Amino acid sequence: MPNSLAYTLVITGAPWTTQAPQTALLFARAALSAGHKIDRVFLYGDGVHLASNLSSPPSDETHWSQQWADFLVEHQIPATACIASALRRGLINETEQARYELPANNLRSPFEIAGLGEWVEGKRAADRTVYFHGGS
């Protein structure tokens, strides 16, 4: 597609306190439907809660973490949680579990944990970076 764009999405709002993850997912689906590409998704600040394997919303509510995980796998889109934000909020992968001798880990697949270099690479590789913020 000649007018196709590649997007990096940055999500900073938690799934249960903001609409940021929901709005980002709607945007991502619409972008793909229009023939665009999502280069990667980067979670920062409270947005890292989206990658928790321990979230369990009531059965009558949408499970946004699972919705995102399914979407990422289906479309083979890489997604990264900022390591500093993740560690502050108790989001731990196996590597950090071993490093800090923690009793468990809780990172939902296919999310990864990495530094801000992933965000910088996303800004470099994409035509556009779109932010989905939490807040008031």
Protein backbone atom coordinates (compact mmCIF):
# COMPACT_ATOMS: atom_id res chain seq x y z
CA MET A 1 0.00 0.00 0.00
CA PRO A 2 1.67 3.26 -1.09
CA ASN A 3 0.29 5.42 1.76
CA SER A 4 0.90 2.83 4.45
CA LEU A 5 2.43 4.04 7.71
CA ALA A 6 4.25 2.21 10.49
CA TYR A 7 3.21 3.17 14.02
CA THR A 8 4.82 2.73 17.41
CA LEU A 9 2.24 2.86 20.20
CA VAL A 10 3.15 4.04 23.70
CA ILE A 11 0.67 3.23 26.47
CA THR A 12 1.09 4.97 29.83
CA GLY A 13 -2.30 4.37 31.46
CA ALA A 14 -3.31 1.31 33.51
CA PRO A 15 -6.13 -0.85 32.13
CA TRP A 16 -8.48 -0.49 35.09
CA THR A 17 -8.09 3.24 35.80
CA THR A 18 -7.90 4.77 32.32
CA GLN A 19 -9.16 4.17 28.80
CA ALA A 20 -5.60 4.29 27.40
CA PRO A 21 -5.16 0.53 26.72
CA GLN A 22 -8.67 0.20 25.31
CA THR A 23 -8.31 3.22 23.03
CA ALA A 24 -4.86 2.04 21.91
CA LEU A 25 -6.24 -1.39 21.00
CA LEU A 26 -9.08 0.15 18.99
CA PHE A 27 -6.56 2.38 17.21
CA ALA A 28 -4.25 -0.57 16.49
CA ARG A 29 -7.08 -2.66 15.04
CA ALA A 30 -8.25 0.24 12.87
CA ALA A 31 -4.72 0.98 11.68
CA LEU A 32 -4.16 -2.62 10.63
CA SER A 33 -7.56 -2.72 8.92
CA ALA A 34 -6.58 0.37 6.95
CA GLY A 35 -3.40 -1.35 5.74
CA HIS A 36 -0.95 0.27 8.15
CA LYS A 37 1.60 -1.50 10.33
CA ILE A 38 2.10 -1.48 14.09
CA ASP A 39 5.87 -1.68 14.48
CA ARG A 40 5.78 -2.21 18.24
CA VAL A 41 3.97 -1.38 21.46
CA PHE A 42 5.81 0.16 24.40
CA LEU A 43 4.37 0.23 27.92
CA TYR A 44 5.57 2.94 30.27
CA GLY A 45 4.56 4.14 33.72
CA ASP A 46 1.27 2.61 34.85
CA GLY A 47 0.83 1.21 31.35
CA VAL A 48 3.05 -1.72 32.38
CA HIS A 49 0.13 -3.12 34.40
CA LEU A 50 -1.27 -4.21 31.04
CA ALA A 51 1.48 -6.87 30.89
CA SER A 52 0.68 -8.46 34.25
CA ASN A 53 -0.25 -12.12 34.25
CA LEU A 54 -1.91 -11.65 37.63
CA SER A 55 -4.71 -9.27 36.65
CA SER A 56 -8.11 -10.92 36.88
CA PRO A 57 -11.06 -8.65 36.18
CA PRO A 58 -14.62 -9.68 37.06
CA SER A 59 -16.11 -12.15 34.57
CA ASP A 60 -18.52 -9.54 33.17
CA GLU A 61 -15.69 -7.11 32.28
CA THR A 62 -13.27 -7.18 29.37
CA HIS A 63 -9.88 -8.67 30.23
CA TRP A 64 -7.72 -6.02 28.54
CA SER A 65 -4.42 -7.74 29.32
CA GLN A 66 -5.60 -10.90 27.59
CA GLN A 67 -7.15 -8.95 24.71
CA TRP A 68 -3.81 -7.24 24.10
CA ALA A 69 -1.82 -10.48 24.42
CA ASP A 70 -4.09 -12.21 21.90
CA PHE A 71 -3.88 -9.26 19.48
CA LEU A 72 -0.08 -9.11 19.70
CA VAL A 73 0.30 -12.83 19.06
CA GLU A 74 -2.20 -12.84 16.19
CA HIS A 75 -0.43 -9.99 14.40
CA GLN A 76 3.12 -10.84 15.52
CA ILE A 77 3.68 -7.40 17.03
CA PRO A 78 6.44 -7.01 19.63
CA ALA A 79 5.48 -5.39 22.93
CA THR A 80 7.82 -4.18 25.63
CA ALA A 81 7.30 -2.97 29.18
CA CYS A 82 9.84 -0.42 30.42
CA ILE A 83 12.06 -2.21 32.93
CA ALA A 84 12.21 0.69 35.40
CA SER A 85 8.43 1.16 35.35
CA ALA A 86 7.87 -2.59 35.57
CA LEU A 87 10.15 -3.20 38.54
CA ARG A 88 8.65 -0.26 40.48
CA ARG A 89 5.18 -1.72 39.97
CA GLY A 90 5.98 -5.35 40.71
CA LEU A 91 5.97 -6.61 37.13
CA ILE A 92 8.75 -9.19 37.00
CA ASN A 93 10.07 -11.54 34.29
CA GLU A 94 12.18 -14.65 34.93
CA THR A 95 15.46 -12.77 34.48
CA GLU A 96 14.60 -10.10 37.05
CA GLN A 97 13.16 -12.76 39.35
CA ALA A 98 16.54 -14.51 39.40
CA ARG A 99 18.55 -11.25 39.61
CA TYR A 100 16.66 -9.99 42.65
CA GLU A 101 16.02 -13.46 44.13
CA LEU A 102 12.26 -12.94 44.09
CA PRO A 103 9.80 -15.78 44.78
CA ALA A 104 7.83 -15.43 41.51
CA ASN A 105 7.42 -13.68 38.19
CA ASN A 106 4.27 -12.39 36.54
CA LEU A 107 5.00 -11.10 33.03
CA ARG A 108 2.27 -12.10 30.58
CA SER A 109 3.44 -13.57 27.30
CA PRO A 110 4.15 -12.21 24.67
CA PHE A 111 5.23 -9.04 26.51
CA GLU A 112 8.94 -8.51 27.16
CA ILE A 113 10.76 -6.27 29.62
CA ALA A 114 13.48 -3.95 28.28
CA GLY A 115 14.94 -0.49 28.68
CA LEU A 116 14.05 2.80 27.08
CA GLY A 117 16.23 1.85 24.12
CA GLU A 118 13.22 -0.07 22.79
CA TRP A 119 11.16 3.11 22.87
CA VAL A 120 13.94 5.03 21.10
CA GLU A 121 14.22 2.29 18.46
CA GLY A 122 10.46 2.42 17.98
CA LYS A 123 10.57 6.16 17.41
CA ARG A 124 13.36 5.67 14.87
CA ALA A 125 11.73 2.77 13.01
CA ALA A 126 8.16 4.08 12.84
CA ASP A 127 6.67 6.82 10.72
CA ARG A 128 4.56 7.94 13.67
CA THR A 129 4.59 7.42 17.43
CA VAL A 130 1.18 7.65 19.07
CA TYR A 131 0.82 8.06 22.83
CA PHE A 132 -2.11 6.79 24.87
CA HIS A 133 -1.86 8.47 28.25
CA GLY A 134 -3.59 7.87 31.50
CA GLY A 135 -4.40 10.74 33.77
CA SER A 136 -7.28 13.05 34.37
